[in-house]
C-alpha atoms as a PDB file:
ATOM      1  CA  UNK A   1       0.247  -0.398   0.296  1.00  0.00           C
ATOM      2  CA  UNK A   2       1.077   3.818  -1.054  1.00  0.00           C
ATOM      3  CA  UNK A   3      -0.203   6.945  -1.118  1.00  0.00           C
ATOM      4  CA  UNK A   4      -2.862   7.154  -4.263  1.00  0.00           C
ATOM      5  CA  UNK A   5      -2.597  11.316  -5.457  1.00  0.00           C
ATOM      6  CA  UNK A   6      -5.688  12.720  -7.202  1.00  0.00           C
ATOM      7  CA  UNK A   7      -5.095  16.008  -8.929  1.00  0.00           C
ATOM      8  CA  UNK A   8      -8.025  18.526  -8.728  1.00  0.00           C
ATOM      9  CA  UNK A   9      -6.981  21.335 -11.772  1.00  0.00           C
ATOM     10  CA  UNK A  10      -8.214  23.563 -14.717  1.00  0.00           C
ATOM     11  CA  UNK A  11      -9.158  21.515 -16.812  1.00  0.00           C
ATOM     12  CA  UNK A  12      -7.373  18.533 -18.429  1.00  0.00           C
ATOM     13  CA  UNK A  13      -3.732  20.497 -16.539  1.00  0.00           C
ATOM     14  CA  UNK A  14      -3.264  17.431 -14.524  1.00  0.00           C
ATOM     15  CA  UNK A  15      -3.791  14.625 -16.505  1.00  0.00           C
ATOM     16  CA  UNK A  16      -1.493  16.397 -18.657  1.00  0.00           C
ATOM     17  CA  UNK A  17       1.195  17.455 -15.842  1.00  0.00           C
ATOM     18  CA  UNK A  18       0.969  13.774 -15.420  1.00  0.00           C
ATOM     19  CA  UNK A  19       1.345  12.275 -18.509  1.00  0.00           C
ATOM     20  CA  UNK A  20       4.810  14.334 -19.199  1.00  0.00           C
ATOM     21  CA  UNK A  21       6.060  12.613 -15.582  1.00  0.00           C
ATOM     22  CA  UNK A  22       5.067   8.950 -17.033  1.00  0.00           C
ATOM     23  CA  UNK A  23       6.878   9.593 -20.242  1.00  0.00           C
ATOM     24  CA  UNK A  24       9.902  11.294 -17.972  1.00  0.00           C
ATOM     25  CA  UNK A  25       9.947   8.818 -15.567  1.00  0.00           C
ATOM     26  CA  UNK A  26       8.862   5.600 -17.228  1.00  0.00           C
ATOM     27  CA  UNK A  27       6.040   5.062 -15.741  1.00  0.00           C
ATOM     28  CA  UNK A  28       3.705   6.259 -12.403  1.00  0.00           C
ATOM     29  CA  UNK A  29       4.462   4.243  -9.162  1.00  0.00           C
ATOM     30  CA  UNK A  30       1.144   5.753  -7.457  1.00  0.00           C
ATOM     31  CA  UNK A  31      -2.033   5.086  -8.201  1.00  0.00           C
ATOM     32  CA  UNK A  32      -3.848   8.932  -9.591  1.00  0.00           C
ATOM     33  CA  UNK A  33      -6.793  10.411 -10.541  1.00  0.00           C
ATOM     34  CA  UNK A  34      -7.567  13.500 -11.989  1.00  0.00           C
ATOM     35  CA  UNK A  35     -10.399  16.144 -11.414  1.00  0.00           C
ATOM     36  CA  UNK A  36     -11.045  17.991 -14.253  1.00  0.00           C
ATOM     37  CA  UNK A  37     -12.417  21.643 -13.889  1.00  0.00           C
ATOM     38  CA  UNK A  38     -14.067  23.079 -16.701  1.00  0.00           C
ATOM     39  CA  UNK A  39     -16.132  26.486 -17.287  1.00  0.00           C
ATOM     40  CA  UNK A  40     -18.915  24.671 -16.582  1.00  0.00           C
ATOM     41  CA  UNK A  41     -18.819  22.371 -13.843  1.00  0.00           C
ATOM     42  CA  UNK A  42     -20.902  22.134 -10.630  1.00  0.00           C
ATOM     43  CA  UNK A  43     -18.106  22.661  -8.404  1.00  0.00           C
ATOM     44  CA  UNK A  44     -20.668  20.387  -5.036  1.00  0.00           C
ATOM     45  CA  UNK A  45     -21.583  18.328  -8.367  1.00  0.00           C
ATOM     46  CA  UNK A  46     -17.463  17.736  -8.645  1.00  0.00           C
ATOM     47  CA  UNK A  47     -16.715  18.208  -4.178  1.00  0.00           C
ATOM     48  CA  UNK A  48     -18.949  14.549  -4.940  1.00  0.00           C
ATOM     49  CA  UNK A  49     -17.471  13.414  -7.402  1.00  0.00           C
ATOM     50  CA  UNK A  50     -13.293  13.988  -5.997  1.00  0.00           C
ATOM     51  CA  UNK A  51     -15.612  12.316  -2.734  1.00  0.00           C
ATOM     52  CA  UNK A  52     -15.678   9.558  -4.316  1.00  0.00           C
ATOM     53  CA  UNK A  53     -12.306   9.419  -6.501  1.00  0.00           C
ATOM     54  CA  UNK A  54     -10.834   9.776  -2.589  1.00  0.00           C
ATOM     55  CA  UNK A  55     -12.856   6.276  -1.647  1.00  0.00           C
ATOM     56  CA  UNK A  56     -11.878   4.613  -4.046  1.00  0.00           C
ATOM     57  CA  UNK A  57      -8.162   5.831  -3.653  1.00  0.00           C
ATOM     58  CA  UNK A  58      -7.569   5.386  -0.339  1.00  0.00           C
ATOM     59  CA  UNK A  59      -6.052   2.201   0.725  1.00  0.00           C
ATOM     60  CA  UNK A  60      -5.168   3.023   4.083  1.00  0.00           C
ATOM     61  CA  UNK A  61      -2.213   5.349   3.886  1.00  0.00           C
ATOM     62  CA  UNK A  62      -3.811   8.351   2.675  1.00  0.00           C
ATOM     63  CA  UNK A  63      -4.271  10.620  -0.578  1.00  0.00           C
ATOM     64  CA  UNK A  64      -2.548  13.739  -1.594  1.00  0.00           C
ATOM     65  CA  UNK A  65      -4.479  16.220  -3.764  1.00  0.00           C
ATOM     66  CA  UNK A  66      -2.743  18.834  -5.422  1.00  0.00           C
ATOM     67  CA  UNK A  67      -4.245  21.541  -7.483  1.00  0.00           C
ATOM     68  CA  UNK A  68      -2.985  23.967  -9.838  1.00  0.00           C
ATOM     69  CA  UNK A  69      -3.517  27.614  -8.002  1.00  0.00           C
ATOM     70  CA  UNK A  70      -3.912  28.363  -4.632  1.00  0.00           C
ATOM     71  CA  UNK A  71      -8.100  30.194  -4.757  1.00  0.00           C
ATOM     72  CA  UNK A  72      -9.187  29.074  -7.570  1.00  0.00           C
ATOM     73  CA  UNK A  73     -12.627  26.431  -8.237  1.00  0.00           C
ATOM     74  CA  UNK A  74     -10.159  23.951  -8.296  1.00  0.00           C
ATOM     75  CA  UNK A  75      -8.167  24.568  -5.059  1.00  0.00           C
ATOM     76  CA  UNK A  76     -12.029  25.118  -3.278  1.00  0.00           C
ATOM     77  CA  UNK A  77     -12.976  21.943  -4.225  1.00  0.00           C
ATOM     78  CA  UNK A  78      -9.494  20.169  -3.546  1.00  0.00           C
ATOM     79  CA  UNK A  79     -10.060  22.104  -0.090  1.00  0.00           C
ATOM     80  CA  UNK A  80     -13.346  20.485   0.769  1.00  0.00           C
ATOM     81  CA  UNK A  81     -11.467  17.541   1.108  1.00  0.00           C
ATOM     82  CA  UNK A  82      -9.245  18.042   3.897  1.00  0.00           C
ATOM     83  CA  UNK A  83     -10.212  14.859   5.766  1.00  0.00           C
ATOM     84  CA  UNK A  84      -7.323  13.203   8.939  1.00  0.00           C
ATOM     85  CA  UNK A  85      -6.433  11.201   5.785  1.00  0.00           C
ATOM     86  CA  UNK A  86      -5.975  13.686   2.925  1.00  0.00           C
ATOM     87  CA  UNK A  87      -3.645  16.706   2.825  1.00  0.00           C
ATOM     88  CA  UNK A  88      -3.488  18.954  -0.273  1.00  0.00           C
ATOM     89  CA  UNK A  89      -0.658  21.146  -1.540  1.00  0.00           C
ATOM     90  CA  UNK A  90      -1.456  23.777  -4.552  1.00  0.00           C
ATOM     91  CA  UNK A  91       0.211  24.878  -7.311  1.00  0.00           C
ATOM     92  CA  UNK A  92       1.418  22.274  -9.306  1.00  0.00           C
ATOM     93  CA  UNK A  93       4.089  21.502 -11.424  1.00  0.00           C
ATOM     94  CA  UNK A  94       6.363  19.508 -13.090  1.00  0.00           C
ATOM     95  CA  UNK A  95       9.045  19.439 -10.915  1.00  0.00           C
ATOM     96  CA  UNK A  96       6.835  19.109  -8.128  1.00  0.00           C
ATOM     97  CA  UNK A  97       4.727  15.785  -9.593  1.00  0.00           C
ATOM     98  CA  UNK A  98       8.549  14.214 -10.368  1.00  0.00           C
ATOM     99  CA  UNK A  99       9.758  14.550  -7.044  1.00  0.00           C
ATOM    100  CA  UNK A 100       7.028  13.030  -5.528  1.00  0.00           C
ATOM    101  CA  UNK A 101       7.263  10.084  -7.404  1.00  0.00           C
ATOM    102  CA  UNK A 102      10.045   9.894  -6.676  1.00  0.00           C
ATOM    103  CA  UNK A 103       9.856   8.769  -3.229  1.00  0.00           C
ATOM    104  CA  UNK A 104       6.488   6.692  -3.871  1.00  0.00           C
ATOM    105  CA  UNK A 105       6.540   4.404  -0.472  1.00  0.00           C
ATOM    106  CA  UNK A 106       6.607   7.759   1.814  1.00  0.00           C
ATOM    107  CA  UNK A 107       4.436   8.513   4.387  1.00  0.00           C
ATOM    108  CA  UNK A 108       1.586  10.887   3.869  1.00  0.00           C
ATOM    109  CA  UNK A 109       3.027  13.789   5.471  1.00  0.00           C
ATOM    110  CA  UNK A 110       6.151  13.671   4.615  1.00  0.00           C
ATOM    111  CA  UNK A 111       5.345  13.662   0.361  1.00  0.00           C
ATOM    112  CA  UNK A 112       3.207  16.600   1.333  1.00  0.00           C
ATOM    113  CA  UNK A 113       6.542  17.641   1.572  1.00  0.00           C
ATOM    114  CA  UNK A 114       8.795  16.294  -0.561  1.00  0.00           C
ATOM    115  CA  UNK A 115       5.435  18.109  -2.535  1.00  0.00           C
ATOM    116  CA  UNK A 116       6.457  21.890  -1.105  1.00  0.00           C
ATOM    117  CA  UNK A 117       9.877  21.499  -1.323  1.00  0.00           C
ATOM    118  CA  UNK A 118      10.083  19.966  -4.892  1.00  0.00           C
ATOM    119  CA  UNK A 119       7.655  22.518  -6.092  1.00  0.00           C
ATOM    120  CA  UNK A 120       9.628  25.003  -4.385  1.00  0.00           C
ATOM    121  CA  UNK A 121      13.322  24.141  -6.038  1.00  0.00           C
ATOM    122  CA  UNK A 122      11.872  23.314  -9.348  1.00  0.00           C
ATOM    123  CA  UNK A 123      10.513  27.251  -9.986  1.00  0.00           C
ATOM    124  CA  UNK A 124      14.229  29.189 -10.607  1.00  0.00           C
ATOM    125  CA  UNK A 125      14.857  32.393 -12.098  1.00  0.00           C
ATOM    126  CA  UNK A 126      17.509  32.679 -14.843  1.00  0.00           C
ATOM    127  CA  UNK A 127      18.734  36.005 -15.386  1.00  0.00           C
ATOM    128  CA  UNK A 128      19.670  36.820 -19.653  1.00  0.00           C
ATOM    129  CA  UNK A 129      23.884  37.322 -20.047  1.00  0.00           C
ATOM    130  CA  UNK A 130      24.886  40.316 -21.212  1.00  0.00           C
ATOM    131  CA  UNK A 131      27.118  38.720 -24.596  1.00  0.00           C
ATOM    132  CA  UNK A 132      30.220  40.336 -22.091  1.00  0.00           C
ATOM    133  CA  UNK A 133      29.457  38.080 -19.074  1.00  0.00           C
ATOM    134  CA  UNK A 134      29.160  34.772 -21.851  1.00  0.00           C
ATOM    135  CA  UNK A 135      32.668  36.467 -22.930  1.00  0.00           C
ATOM    136  CA  UNK A 136      33.902  36.901 -19.487  1.00  0.00           C
ATOM    137  CA  UNK A 137      33.014  33.202 -18.512  1.00  0.00           C
ATOM    138  CA  UNK A 138      35.083  30.916 -20.778  1.00  0.00           C
END
């Protein structure tokens, strides 16, 4: 048994991000389901759908719910799912997902920490170098 993963995102962002991670890693080490929130979706129906997904996913080790943007409809749906065996992290990005997939056997609280650290550490600022700076580096 291991923690399962539920991605609640705008449209197919979650599935697309997961597909990219699986392409890189080669397989998905976590049971994963997706809730695609669209403009015409009804939040109450989506919450009920997500509750059903949680019941199917949770084998006793909990479910990590990832959402793409804090304060949005997907994150509001995800927050409605929080209870003892469910943790929610907003700000889904590919480095976050890759980090989680590299630690599939961690308990829920530690996997949540990995999600947050992977997301934060995966964001970098690349300042453009001038031609002079590039020449001096060689």
